[in-house]
Amino acid sequence: MSQDILARLADTLEARKEADPQSSYVARLYAKGLDAILKKVAEEAAETIMAAKDGERDKIVYETADLWFHTLVLLAREGIRPEEILGELARREGISGIAEKAARKETP
């Protein structure tokens, strides 16, 4: 079920690439470009952090939903489906975070 909502949102976000920026918030974000999308992701991440610091459970849920949504917009812009992220999480499942990081190749 959770994957279903992510797939439906991804389909909607993909369709918004062709929408009129005057009638769609997401189309407006796409039209503004990557920097505008990244700014929204950062803004929502900060709001999620502040909600967590305040210990407001309902606000944490609300702000995390905003953060995930805007992250999905970023992924859609980059042509990445949520299923790819879920696949990566599944790959990491059961692997120690320390071991997973050690297995990564260092980049110059």
N, C-alpha and C. Protein backbone atom coordinates (compact mmCIF):
# COMPACT_ATOMS: atom_id res chain seq x y z
N MET A 1 0.82 -1.20 0.00
CA MET A 1 0.00 0.00 0.00
C MET A 1 0.86 1.26 0.00
N SER A 2 1.88 1.31 0.85
CA SER A 2 2.75 2.49 0.89
C SER A 2 3.43 2.72 -0.44
N GLN A 3 3.87 1.61 -1.06
CA GLN A 3 4.51 1.75 -2.36
C GLN A 3 3.52 2.25 -3.40
N ASP A 4 2.24 1.89 -3.25
CA ASP A 4 1.23 2.33 -4.20
C ASP A 4 1.11 3.85 -4.22
N ILE A 5 1.09 4.48 -3.05
CA ILE A 5 0.96 5.94 -3.01
C ILE A 5 2.19 6.59 -3.62
N LEU A 6 3.36 6.03 -3.38
CA LEU A 6 4.57 6.59 -3.97
C LEU A 6 4.54 6.49 -5.49
N ALA A 7 4.09 5.35 -6.00
CA ALA A 7 3.99 5.17 -7.46
C ALA A 7 2.95 6.12 -8.05
N ARG A 8 1.82 6.27 -7.38
CA ARG A 8 0.78 7.19 -7.89
C ARG A 8 1.30 8.63 -7.87
N LEU A 9 1.96 9.01 -6.80
CA LEU A 9 2.52 10.37 -6.74
C LEU A 9 3.55 10.57 -7.84
N ALA A 10 4.41 9.57 -8.04
CA ALA A 10 5.43 9.68 -9.09
C ALA A 10 4.78 9.85 -10.46
N ASP A 11 3.71 9.11 -10.71
CA ASP A 11 2.99 9.25 -11.99
C ASP A 11 2.41 10.66 -12.13
N THR A 12 1.83 11.16 -11.07
CA THR A 12 1.25 12.52 -11.09
C THR A 12 2.34 13.56 -11.31
N LEU A 13 3.46 13.41 -10.60
CA LEU A 13 4.55 14.37 -10.75
C LEU A 13 5.13 14.34 -12.16
N GLU A 14 5.19 13.16 -12.75
CA GLU A 14 5.66 13.04 -14.13
C GLU A 14 4.71 13.78 -15.07
N ALA A 15 3.40 13.60 -14.86
CA ALA A 15 2.40 14.27 -15.71
C ALA A 15 2.48 15.78 -15.56
N ARG A 16 2.84 16.27 -14.40
CA ARG A 16 2.91 17.72 -14.16
C ARG A 16 4.03 18.38 -14.95
N LYS A 17 4.95 17.59 -15.46
CA LYS A 17 6.02 18.17 -16.29
C LYS A 17 5.44 18.84 -17.53
N GLU A 18 4.27 18.37 -17.96
CA GLU A 18 3.62 18.92 -19.16
C GLU A 18 2.51 19.92 -18.81
N ALA A 19 2.29 20.15 -17.52
CA ALA A 19 1.19 21.02 -17.09
C ALA A 19 1.57 22.49 -17.21
N ASP A 20 0.56 23.32 -17.20
CA ASP A 20 0.73 24.77 -17.24
C ASP A 20 1.19 25.27 -15.87
N PRO A 21 2.34 25.95 -15.82
CA PRO A 21 2.82 26.47 -14.53
C PRO A 21 1.84 27.43 -13.85
N GLN A 22 0.91 27.98 -14.61
CA GLN A 22 -0.09 28.87 -14.01
C GLN A 22 -1.17 28.10 -13.26
N SER A 23 -1.29 26.81 -13.57
CA SER A 23 -2.36 26.03 -12.94
C SER A 23 -1.86 24.90 -12.05
N SER A 24 -0.53 24.72 -11.96
CA SER A 24 0.03 23.62 -11.17
C SER A 24 1.24 24.08 -10.39
N TYR A 25 1.19 23.89 -9.08
CA TYR A 25 2.32 24.23 -8.21
C TYR A 25 3.57 23.47 -8.64
N VAL A 26 3.43 22.18 -8.91
CA VAL A 26 4.58 21.37 -9.29
C VAL A 26 5.13 21.81 -10.64
N ALA A 27 4.26 22.09 -11.60
CA ALA A 27 4.72 22.58 -12.90
C ALA A 27 5.47 23.90 -12.73
N ARG A 28 5.02 24.72 -11.82
CA ARG A 28 5.70 25.99 -11.54
C ARG A 28 7.11 25.73 -10.98
N LEU A 29 7.21 24.74 -10.07
CA LEU A 29 8.53 24.38 -9.54
C LEU A 29 9.45 23.89 -10.66
N TYR A 30 8.94 23.00 -11.50
CA TYR A 30 9.74 22.52 -12.63
C TYR A 30 10.20 23.68 -13.51
N ALA A 31 9.31 24.62 -13.77
CA ALA A 31 9.64 25.76 -14.63
C ALA A 31 10.72 26.64 -14.02
N LYS A 32 10.72 26.73 -12.70
CA LYS A 32 11.73 27.54 -12.01
C LYS A 32 13.10 26.88 -12.01
N GLY A 33 13.13 25.56 -12.19
CA GLY A 33 14.41 24.87 -12.31
C GLY A 33 14.88 24.18 -11.05
N LEU A 34 16.01 23.53 -11.20
CA LEU A 34 16.57 22.69 -10.14
C LEU A 34 16.82 23.46 -8.85
N ASP A 35 17.37 24.67 -8.95
CA ASP A 35 17.68 25.43 -7.73
C ASP A 35 16.43 25.69 -6.89
N ALA A 36 15.31 25.99 -7.54
CA ALA A 36 14.06 26.23 -6.80
C ALA A 36 13.59 24.96 -6.11
N ILE A 37 13.72 23.83 -6.79
CA ILE A 37 13.32 22.56 -6.19
C ILE A 37 14.22 22.23 -5.00
N LEU A 38 15.52 22.40 -5.18
CA LEU A 38 16.45 22.13 -4.08
C LEU A 38 16.20 23.04 -2.89
N LYS A 39 15.87 24.28 -3.16
CA LYS A 39 15.56 25.22 -2.09
C LYS A 39 14.35 24.74 -1.29
N LYS A 40 13.32 24.22 -1.97
CA LYS A 40 12.13 23.70 -1.29
C LYS A 40 12.47 22.47 -0.45
N VAL A 41 13.31 21.58 -0.99
CA VAL A 41 13.71 20.40 -0.22
C VAL A 41 14.44 20.84 1.04
N ALA A 42 15.36 21.78 0.91
CA ALA A 42 16.11 22.27 2.08
C ALA A 42 15.18 22.95 3.08
N GLU A 43 14.25 23.74 2.59
CA GLU A 43 13.29 24.42 3.46
C GLU A 43 12.45 23.41 4.25
N GLU A 44 11.96 22.40 3.55
CA GLU A 44 11.13 21.40 4.22
C GLU A 44 11.95 20.54 5.18
N ALA A 45 13.20 20.28 4.85
CA ALA A 45 14.07 19.55 5.77
C ALA A 45 14.27 20.35 7.06
N ALA A 46 14.50 21.65 6.92
CA ALA A 46 14.67 22.50 8.10
C ALA A 46 13.40 22.54 8.94
N GLU A 47 12.25 22.61 8.29
CA GLU A 47 10.98 22.64 9.02
C GLU A 47 10.73 21.31 9.74
N THR A 48 11.15 20.21 9.13
CA THR A 48 11.03 18.90 9.77
C THR A 48 11.92 18.83 11.00
N ILE A 49 13.13 19.33 10.87
CA ILE A 49 14.06 19.35 11.99
C ILE A 49 13.50 20.17 13.14
N MET A 50 12.95 21.34 12.84
CA MET A 50 12.40 22.21 13.89
C MET A 50 11.20 21.55 14.56
N ALA A 51 10.37 20.88 13.79
CA ALA A 51 9.22 20.18 14.38
C ALA A 51 9.70 19.09 15.32
N ALA A 52 10.75 18.38 14.92
CA ALA A 52 11.30 17.32 15.78
C ALA A 52 11.90 17.90 17.05
N LYS A 53 12.61 19.01 16.91
CA LYS A 53 13.19 19.66 18.09
C LYS A 53 12.10 20.11 19.06
N ASP A 54 10.98 20.55 18.51
CA ASP A 54 9.86 20.99 19.35
C ASP A 54 9.07 19.82 19.93
N GLY A 55 9.33 18.61 19.41
CA GLY A 55 8.65 17.42 19.91
C GLY A 55 7.17 17.37 19.59
N GLU A 56 6.78 18.03 18.49
CA GLU A 56 5.38 18.07 18.11
C GLU A 56 5.10 16.97 17.08
N ARG A 57 4.58 15.85 17.56
CA ARG A 57 4.39 14.66 16.73
C ARG A 57 3.58 14.96 15.46
N ASP A 58 2.44 15.60 15.58
CA ASP A 58 1.61 15.89 14.42
C ASP A 58 2.33 16.78 13.41
N LYS A 59 3.08 17.74 13.93
CA LYS A 59 3.83 18.64 13.05
C LYS A 59 4.99 17.90 12.38
N ILE A 60 5.60 16.96 13.09
CA ILE A 60 6.66 16.15 12.48
C ILE A 60 6.09 15.37 11.29
N VAL A 61 4.93 14.77 11.47
CA VAL A 61 4.29 14.01 10.39
C VAL A 61 4.00 14.94 9.22
N TYR A 62 3.40 16.09 9.49
CA TYR A 62 3.03 17.05 8.45
C TYR A 62 4.26 17.53 7.68
N GLU A 63 5.28 17.93 8.40
CA GLU A 63 6.48 18.48 7.75
C GLU A 63 7.25 17.39 7.01
N THR A 64 7.27 16.17 7.55
CA THR A 64 7.93 15.07 6.85
C THR A 64 7.21 14.76 5.55
N ALA A 65 5.88 14.83 5.56
CA ALA A 65 5.13 14.63 4.32
C ALA A 65 5.53 15.69 3.28
N ASP A 66 5.67 16.95 3.72
CA ASP A 66 6.13 18.00 2.80
C ASP A 66 7.53 17.70 2.27
N LEU A 67 8.41 17.26 3.17
CA LEU A 67 9.79 16.94 2.77
C LEU A 67 9.81 15.81 1.76
N TRP A 68 9.07 14.74 2.05
CA TRP A 68 9.03 13.62 1.11
C TRP A 68 8.45 14.05 -0.23
N PHE A 69 7.38 14.86 -0.19
CA PHE A 69 6.75 15.31 -1.44
C PHE A 69 7.75 16.07 -2.30
N HIS A 70 8.43 17.03 -1.69
CA HIS A 70 9.36 17.84 -2.48
C HIS A 70 10.58 17.01 -2.92
N THR A 71 10.95 16.02 -2.14
CA THR A 71 12.01 15.11 -2.57
C THR A 71 11.54 14.29 -3.77
N LEU A 72 10.27 13.88 -3.77
CA LEU A 72 9.72 13.18 -4.92
C LEU A 72 9.70 14.07 -6.16
N VAL A 73 9.44 15.37 -5.98
CA VAL A 73 9.51 16.31 -7.11
C VAL A 73 10.93 16.31 -7.66
N LEU A 74 11.92 16.39 -6.79
CA LEU A 74 13.32 16.35 -7.21
C LEU A 74 13.63 15.06 -7.97
N LEU A 75 13.20 13.94 -7.40
CA LEU A 75 13.46 12.66 -8.07
C LEU A 75 12.81 12.62 -9.44
N ALA A 76 11.57 13.08 -9.55
CA ALA A 76 10.88 13.08 -10.84
C ALA A 76 11.62 13.96 -11.84
N ARG A 77 12.08 15.10 -11.39
CA ARG A 77 12.82 15.99 -12.30
C ARG A 77 14.05 15.29 -12.84
N GLU A 78 14.67 14.47 -12.00
CA GLU A 78 15.89 13.77 -12.39
C GLU A 78 15.62 12.42 -13.06
N GLY A 79 14.33 12.09 -13.25
CA GLY A 79 13.98 10.84 -13.92
C GLY A 79 14.19 9.61 -13.06
N ILE A 80 14.10 9.78 -11.75
CA ILE A 80 14.29 8.68 -10.81
C ILE A 80 12.95 8.33 -10.18
N ARG A 81 12.58 7.06 -10.27
CA ARG A 81 11.32 6.58 -9.69
C ARG A 81 11.54 6.21 -8.22
N PRO A 82 10.50 6.38 -7.38
CA PRO A 82 10.62 5.99 -5.97
C PRO A 82 11.02 4.53 -5.81
N GLU A 83 10.61 3.68 -6.75
CA GLU A 83 10.96 2.27 -6.67
C GLU A 83 12.48 2.06 -6.66
N GLU A 84 13.21 2.95 -7.31
CA GLU A 84 14.67 2.85 -7.29
C GLU A 84 15.22 3.09 -5.90
N ILE A 85 14.64 4.06 -5.20
CA ILE A 85 15.07 4.36 -3.84
C ILE A 85 14.69 3.20 -2.92
N LEU A 86 13.47 2.70 -3.09
CA LEU A 86 13.04 1.56 -2.28
C LEU A 86 13.93 0.34 -2.53
N GLY A 87 14.34 0.15 -3.77
CA GLY A 87 15.25 -0.94 -4.09
C GLY A 87 16.59 -0.79 -3.39
N GLU A 88 17.08 0.43 -3.35
CA GLU A 88 18.36 0.68 -2.65
C GLU A 88 18.20 0.44 -1.15
N LEU A 89 17.09 0.87 -0.58
CA LEU A 89 16.85 0.60 0.83
C LEU A 89 16.76 -0.90 1.10
N ALA A 90 16.09 -1.62 0.20
CA ALA A 90 15.99 -3.08 0.35
C ALA A 90 17.37 -3.72 0.26
N ARG A 91 18.21 -3.22 -0.64
CA ARG A 91 19.57 -3.75 -0.77
C ARG A 91 20.34 -3.58 0.53
N ARG A 92 20.14 -2.46 1.20
CA ARG A 92 20.87 -2.16 2.44
C ARG A 92 20.30 -2.86 3.67
N GLU A 93 19.07 -3.33 3.56
CA GLU A 93 18.41 -3.94 4.71
C GLU A 93 19.24 -5.11 5.23
N GLY A 94 19.46 -5.12 6.52
CA GLY A 94 20.21 -6.20 7.14
C GLY A 94 21.71 -6.03 7.08
N ILE A 95 22.16 -4.94 6.46
CA ILE A 95 23.60 -4.66 6.39
C ILE A 95 23.90 -3.58 7.42
N SER A 96 24.90 -3.81 8.22
CA SER A 96 25.33 -2.81 9.19
C SER A 96 25.67 -1.52 8.47
N GLY A 97 25.25 -0.41 9.03
CA GLY A 97 25.58 0.89 8.45
C GLY A 97 27.08 1.10 8.35
N ILE A 98 27.80 0.61 9.33
CA ILE A 98 29.26 0.73 9.33
C ILE A 98 29.84 -0.09 8.18
N ALA A 99 29.34 -1.32 8.02
CA ALA A 99 29.83 -2.18 6.93
C ALA A 99 29.45 -1.61 5.57
N GLU A 100 28.25 -1.08 5.46
CA GLU A 100 27.80 -0.51 4.19
C GLU A 100 28.66 0.66 3.79
N LYS A 101 28.97 1.53 4.72
CA LYS A 101 29.82 2.69 4.41
C LYS A 101 31.24 2.26 4.06
N ALA A 102 31.75 1.24 4.74
CA ALA A 102 33.11 0.75 4.47
C ALA A 102 33.19 0.13 3.07
N ALA A 103 32.08 -0.43 2.60
CA ALA A 103 32.08 -1.08 1.29
C ALA A 103 32.03 -0.08 0.13
N ARG A 104 31.66 1.15 0.41
CA ARG A 104 31.59 2.16 -0.64
C ARG A 104 33.00 2.52 -1.10
N LYS A 105 33.12 2.73 -2.38
CA LYS A 105 34.43 3.16 -2.92
C LYS A 105 34.56 4.65 -2.67
N GLU A 106 35.73 5.05 -2.23
CA GLU A 106 35.97 6.48 -2.04
C GLU A 106 36.12 7.14 -3.40
N THR A 107 35.57 8.34 -3.50
CA THR A 107 35.69 9.10 -4.75
C THR A 107 36.65 10.26 -4.51
N PRO A 108 37.44 10.56 -5.49
CA PRO A 108 38.43 11.67 -5.34
C PRO A 108 37.78 13.00 -5.16
